[in-house]
Amino acid sequence: MKYKNTKTGAIIETSTKVSGENWEPFDNEESGEKKTPAKKQKDDKKKGNSEDDTQEDAE
C-alpha cells in the first residue's frame, strides 16, 4: 500500500501499516498525477541530453 506524507509530500510504498500524524493512504488515481516525464526531461530528451542515451561508436 502507498502512503503520502501530508507535510513533506513524500510517497512511500510498504506492505506494513503506517501510522502517524502526517501519513495518509495514497492512491494514484485520486491524486490526478500524470505518469508523463517532467517538461525538463522531455526537453533534454529532444536535445539528446538524456542520461539514459547511449553513445555508440564513441572512441
PDB file of N, CA and C in Angstrom:
ATOM      1  N   MET A   1       0.842  -1.170   0.000  1.00  0.00           N
ATOM      2  CA  MET A   1       0.000   0.000   0.000  1.00  0.00           C
ATOM      3  C   MET A   1       0.893   1.242   0.000  1.00  0.00           C
ATOM      4  N   LYS A   2       0.431   2.293  -0.653  1.00  0.00           N
ATOM      5  CA  LYS A   2       1.189   3.538  -0.705  1.00  0.00           C
ATOM      6  C   LYS A   2       0.627   4.525   0.311  1.00  0.00           C
ATOM      7  N   TYR A   3       1.534   5.323   0.877  1.00  0.00           N
ATOM      8  CA  TYR A   3       1.170   6.360   1.826  1.00  0.00           C
ATOM      9  C   TYR A   3       1.851   7.658   1.423  1.00  0.00           C
ATOM     10  N   LYS A   4       1.157   8.771   1.692  1.00  0.00           N
ATOM     11  CA  LYS A   4       1.712  10.081   1.382  1.00  0.00           C
ATOM     12  C   LYS A   4       1.822  10.890   2.666  1.00  0.00           C
ATOM     13  N   ASN A   5       2.973  11.538   2.828  1.00  0.00           N
ATOM     14  CA  ASN A   5       3.176  12.411   3.966  1.00  0.00           C
ATOM     15  C   ASN A   5       2.603  13.775   3.596  1.00  0.00           C
ATOM     16  N   THR A   6       1.598  14.216   4.349  1.00  0.00           N
ATOM     17  CA  THR A   6       0.919  15.472   4.023  1.00  0.00           C
ATOM     18  C   THR A   6       1.787  16.690   4.292  1.00  0.00           C
ATOM     19  N   LYS A   7       2.792  16.547   5.115  1.00  0.00           N
ATOM     20  CA  LYS A   7       3.673  17.680   5.436  1.00  0.00           C
ATOM     21  C   LYS A   7       4.775  17.847   4.394  1.00  0.00           C
ATOM     22  N   THR A   8       5.411  16.733   4.009  1.00  0.00           N
ATOM     23  CA  THR A   8       6.552  16.803   3.089  1.00  0.00           C
ATOM     24  C   THR A   8       6.197  16.449   1.650  1.00  0.00           C
ATOM     25  N   GLY A   9       5.081  15.732   1.446  1.00  0.00           N
ATOM     26  CA  GLY A   9       4.704  15.298   0.110  1.00  0.00           C
ATOM     27  C   GLY A   9       5.375  14.000  -0.305  1.00  0.00           C
ATOM     28  N   ALA A  10       6.190  13.409   0.587  1.00  0.00           N
ATOM     29  CA  ALA A  10       6.882  12.162   0.280  1.00  0.00           C
ATOM     30  C   ALA A  10       5.869  11.027   0.133  1.00  0.00           C
ATOM     31  N   ILE A  11       6.124  10.137  -0.813  1.00  0.00           N
ATOM     32  CA  ILE A  11       5.261   8.979  -1.035  1.00  0.00           C
ATOM     33  C   ILE A  11       6.108   7.736  -0.840  1.00  0.00           C
ATOM     34  N   ILE A  12       5.580   6.800  -0.034  1.00  0.00           N
ATOM     35  CA  ILE A  12       6.288   5.540   0.200  1.00  0.00           C
ATOM     36  C   ILE A  12       5.354   4.381  -0.101  1.00  0.00           C
ATOM     37  N   GLU A  13       5.927   3.239  -0.397  1.00  0.00           N
ATOM     38  CA  GLU A  13       5.156   2.016  -0.608  1.00  0.00           C
ATOM     39  C   GLU A  13       5.697   0.961   0.341  1.00  0.00           C
ATOM     40  N   THR A  14       4.803   0.354   1.099  1.00  0.00           N
ATOM     41  CA  THR A  14       5.199  -0.638   2.078  1.00  0.00           C
ATOM     42  C   THR A  14       4.096  -1.667   2.253  1.00  0.00           C
ATOM     43  N   SER A  15       4.469  -2.846   2.725  1.00  0.00           N
ATOM     44  CA  SER A  15       3.473  -3.886   2.976  1.00  0.00           C
ATOM     45  C   SER A  15       2.934  -3.807   4.403  1.00  0.00           C
ATOM     46  N   THR A  16       3.496  -2.917   5.208  1.00  0.00           N
ATOM     47  CA  THR A  16       3.046  -2.766   6.590  1.00  0.00           C
ATOM     48  C   THR A  16       2.194  -1.516   6.744  1.00  0.00           C
ATOM     49  N   LYS A  17       1.455  -1.454   7.844  1.00  0.00           N
ATOM     50  CA  LYS A  17       0.608  -0.309   8.112  1.00  0.00           C
ATOM     51  C   LYS A  17       1.461   0.854   8.614  1.00  0.00           C
ATOM     52  N   VAL A  18       1.196   2.043   8.084  1.00  0.00           N
ATOM     53  CA  VAL A  18       1.921   3.234   8.502  1.00  0.00           C
ATOM     54  C   VAL A  18       0.974   4.079   9.347  1.00  0.00           C
ATOM     55  N   SER A  19       1.463   4.527  10.484  1.00  0.00           N
ATOM     56  CA  SER A  19       0.648   5.407  11.318  1.00  0.00           C
ATOM     57  C   SER A  19       1.464   6.646  11.644  1.00  0.00           C
ATOM     58  N   GLY A  20       0.791   7.685  11.960  1.00  0.00           N
ATOM     59  CA  GLY A  20       1.465   8.924  12.297  1.00  0.00           C
ATOM     60  C   GLY A  20       0.608  10.105  11.910  1.00  0.00           C
ATOM     61  N   GLU A  21       0.936  11.216  12.475  1.00  0.00           N
ATOM     62  CA  GLU A  21       0.153  12.428  12.304  1.00  0.00           C
ATOM     63  C   GLU A  21       0.063  12.884  10.845  1.00  0.00           C
ATOM     64  N   ASN A  22       1.141  12.727  10.092  1.00  0.00           N
ATOM     65  CA  ASN A  22       1.197  13.291   8.738  1.00  0.00           C
ATOM     66  C   ASN A  22       1.052  12.271   7.615  1.00  0.00           C
ATOM     67  N   TRP A  23       0.749  11.018   7.907  1.00  0.00           N
ATOM     68  CA  TRP A  23       0.655   9.993   6.881  1.00  0.00           C
ATOM     69  C   TRP A  23      -0.797   9.667   6.579  1.00  0.00           C
ATOM     70  N   GLU A  24      -1.104   9.542   5.286  1.00  0.00           N
ATOM     71  CA  GLU A  24      -2.442   9.126   4.874  1.00  0.00           C
ATOM     72  C   GLU A  24      -2.311   8.177   3.690  1.00  0.00           C
ATOM     73  N   PRO A  25      -3.283   7.258   3.524  1.00  0.00           N
ATOM     74  CA  PRO A  25      -3.234   6.351   2.369  1.00  0.00           C
ATOM     75  C   PRO A  25      -3.213   7.147   1.073  1.00  0.00           C
ATOM     76  N   PHE A  26      -2.490   6.636   0.098  1.00  0.00           N
ATOM     77  CA  PHE A  26      -2.312   7.335  -1.173  1.00  0.00           C
ATOM     78  C   PHE A  26      -2.741   6.435  -2.318  1.00  0.00           C
ATOM     79  N   ASP A  27      -3.512   6.999  -3.247  1.00  0.00           N
ATOM     80  CA  ASP A  27      -3.965   6.259  -4.424  1.00  0.00           C
ATOM     81  C   ASP A  27      -3.706   7.125  -5.650  1.00  0.00           C
ATOM     82  N   ASN A  28      -2.938   6.613  -6.611  1.00  0.00           N
ATOM     83  CA  ASN A  28      -2.557   7.390  -7.797  1.00  0.00           C
ATOM     84  C   ASN A  28      -3.760   7.952  -8.549  1.00  0.00           C
ATOM     85  N   GLU A  29      -4.829   7.173  -8.666  1.00  0.00           N
ATOM     86  CA  GLU A  29      -5.983   7.617  -9.438  1.00  0.00           C
ATOM     87  C   GLU A  29      -6.647   8.832  -8.793  1.00  0.00           C
ATOM     88  N   GLU A  30      -6.663   8.896  -7.492  1.00  0.00           N
ATOM     89  CA  GLU A  30      -7.306  10.008  -6.808  1.00  0.00           C
ATOM     90  C   GLU A  30      -6.471  11.278  -6.864  1.00  0.00           C
ATOM     91  N   SER A  31      -5.170  11.137  -6.979  1.00  0.00           N
ATOM     92  CA  SER A  31      -4.290  12.304  -6.913  1.00  0.00           C
ATOM     93  C   SER A  31      -4.332  13.137  -8.190  1.00  0.00           C
ATOM     94  N   GLY A  32      -4.668  12.513  -9.306  1.00  0.00           N
ATOM     95  CA  GLY A  32      -4.679  13.226 -10.571  1.00  0.00           C
ATOM     96  C   GLY A  32      -3.287  13.426 -11.132  1.00  0.00           C
ATOM     97  N   GLU A  33      -2.286  12.749 -10.559  1.00  0.00           N
ATOM     98  CA  GLU A  33      -0.917  12.886 -11.055  1.00  0.00           C
ATOM     99  C   GLU A  33      -0.781  12.201 -12.397  1.00  0.00           C
ATOM    100  N   LYS A  34       0.050  12.793 -13.242  1.00  0.00           N
ATOM    101  CA  LYS A  34       0.319  12.219 -14.545  1.00  0.00           C
ATOM    102  C   LYS A  34       1.570  11.367 -14.461  1.00  0.00           C
ATOM    103  N   LYS A  35       1.626  10.336 -15.291  1.00  0.00           N
ATOM    104  CA  LYS A  35       2.794   9.473 -15.307  1.00  0.00           C
ATOM    105  C   LYS A  35       3.732   9.836 -16.453  1.00  0.00           C
ATOM    106  N   THR A  36       3.608  11.059 -16.961  1.00  0.00           N
ATOM    107  CA  THR A  36       4.477  11.503 -18.041  1.00  0.00           C
ATOM    108  C   THR A  36       5.690  12.210 -17.456  1.00  0.00           C
ATOM    109  N   PRO A  37       6.801  12.209 -18.147  1.00  0.00           N
ATOM    110  CA  PRO A  37       8.003  12.873 -17.638  1.00  0.00           C
ATOM    111  C   PRO A  37       7.791  14.378 -17.479  1.00  0.00           C
ATOM    112  N   ALA A  38       8.570  14.951 -16.631  1.00  0.00           N
ATOM    113  CA  ALA A  38       8.518  16.397 -16.425  1.00  0.00           C
ATOM    114  C   ALA A  38       8.959  17.111 -17.692  1.00  0.00           C
ATOM    115  N   LYS A  39       8.600  18.379 -17.819  1.00  0.00           N
ATOM    116  CA  LYS A  39       8.925  19.146 -19.015  1.00  0.00           C
ATOM    117  C   LYS A  39      10.430  19.169 -19.277  1.00  0.00           C
ATOM    118  N   LYS A  40      11.239  19.339 -18.228  1.00  0.00           N
ATOM    119  CA  LYS A  40      12.681  19.377 -18.415  1.00  0.00           C
ATOM    120  C   LYS A  40      13.193  18.057 -18.997  1.00  0.00           C
ATOM    121  N   GLN A  41      12.656  16.942 -18.527  1.00  0.00           N
ATOM    122  CA  GLN A  41      13.091  15.653 -19.048  1.00  0.00           C
ATOM    123  C   GLN A  41      12.733  15.537 -20.520  1.00  0.00           C
ATOM    124  N   LYS A  42      11.566  16.015 -20.913  1.00  0.00           N
ATOM    125  CA  LYS A  42      11.172  15.964 -22.319  1.00  0.00           C
ATOM    126  C   LYS A  42      12.100  16.832 -23.160  1.00  0.00           C
ATOM    127  N   ASP A  43      12.405  18.055 -22.670  1.00  0.00           N
ATOM    128  CA  ASP A  43      13.290  18.962 -23.395  1.00  0.00           C
ATOM    129  C   ASP A  43      14.685  18.362 -23.543  1.00  0.00           C
ATOM    130  N   ASP A  44      15.203  17.755 -22.461  1.00  0.00           N
ATOM    131  CA  ASP A  44      16.525  17.135 -22.518  1.00  0.00           C
ATOM    132  C   ASP A  44      16.546  15.995 -23.528  1.00  0.00           C
ATOM    133  N   LYS A  45      15.497  15.221 -23.570  1.00  0.00           N
ATOM    134  CA  LYS A  45      15.425  14.095 -24.490  1.00  0.00           C
ATOM    135  C   LYS A  45      15.480  14.609 -25.935  1.00  0.00           C
ATOM    136  N   LYS A  46      14.748  15.703 -26.214  1.00  0.00           N
ATOM    137  CA  LYS A  46      14.748  16.273 -27.566  1.00  0.00           C
ATOM    138  C   LYS A  46      16.139  16.755 -27.961  1.00  0.00           C
ATOM    139  N   LYS A  47      16.874  17.308 -26.991  1.00  0.00           N
ATOM    140  CA  LYS A  47      18.198  17.839 -27.261  1.00  0.00           C
ATOM    141  C   LYS A  47      19.280  16.763 -27.243  1.00  0.00           C
ATOM    142  N   GLY A  48      18.906  15.555 -26.816  1.00  0.00           N
ATOM    143  CA  GLY A  48      19.891  14.485 -26.744  1.00  0.00           C
ATOM    144  C   GLY A  48      20.702  14.516 -25.470  1.00  0.00           C
ATOM    145  N   ASN A  49      20.218  15.197 -24.444  1.00  0.00           N
ATOM    146  CA  ASN A  49      20.931  15.310 -23.183  1.00  0.00           C
ATOM    147  C   ASN A  49      20.448  14.304 -22.148  1.00  0.00           C
ATOM    148  N   SER A  50      19.691  13.331 -22.555  1.00  0.00           N
ATOM    149  CA  SER A  50      19.153  12.359 -21.606  1.00  0.00           C
ATOM    150  C   SER A  50      20.268  11.477 -21.069  1.00  0.00           C
ATOM    151  N   GLU A  51      20.228  11.200 -19.763  1.00  0.00           N
ATOM    152  CA  GLU A  51      21.268  10.379 -19.143  1.00  0.00           C
ATOM    153  C   GLU A  51      21.238   8.934 -19.630  1.00  0.00           C
ATOM    154  N   ASP A  52      20.057   8.455 -20.085  1.00  0.00           N
ATOM    155  CA  ASP A  52      19.974   7.068 -20.490  1.00  0.00           C
ATOM    156  C   ASP A  52      20.290   6.864 -21.972  1.00  0.00           C
ATOM    157  N   ASP A  53      20.618   7.936 -22.674  1.00  0.00           N
ATOM    158  CA  ASP A  53      21.037   7.790 -24.064  1.00  0.00           C
ATOM    159  C   ASP A  53      22.415   7.146 -24.104  1.00  0.00           C
ATOM    160  N   THR A  54      22.584   6.209 -24.975  1.00  0.00           N
ATOM    161  CA  THR A  54      23.881   5.564 -25.101  1.00  0.00           C
ATOM    162  C   THR A  54      24.613   6.138 -26.314  1.00  0.00           C
ATOM    163  N   GLN A  55      25.922   6.176 -26.208  1.00  0.00           N
ATOM    164  CA  GLN A  55      26.711   6.680 -27.325  1.00  0.00           C
ATOM    165  C   GLN A  55      27.401   5.494 -27.989  1.00  0.00           C
ATOM    166  N   GLU A  56      26.992   5.244 -29.191  1.00  0.00           N
ATOM    167  CA  GLU A  56      27.602   4.148 -29.931  1.00  0.00           C
ATOM    168  C   GLU A  56      28.744   4.699 -30.772  1.00  0.00           C
ATOM    169  N   ASP A  57      29.726   3.866 -31.014  1.00  0.00           N
ATOM    170  CA  ASP A  57      30.889   4.196 -31.826  1.00  0.00           C
ATOM    171  C   ASP A  57      31.696   5.350 -31.254  1.00  0.00           C
ATOM    172  N   ALA A  58      31.617   5.570 -29.959  1.00  0.00           N
ATOM    173  CA  ALA A  58      32.427   6.618 -29.328  1.00  0.00           C
ATOM    174  C   ALA A  58      33.827   6.078 -29.081  1.00  0.00           C
ATOM    175  N   GLU A  59      34.804   6.738 -29.635  1.00  0.00           N
ATOM    176  CA  GLU A  59      36.181   6.263 -29.488  1.00  0.00           C
ATOM    177  C   GLU A  59      37.064   7.364 -28.966  1.00  0.00           C
TER     178      GLU A  59
END
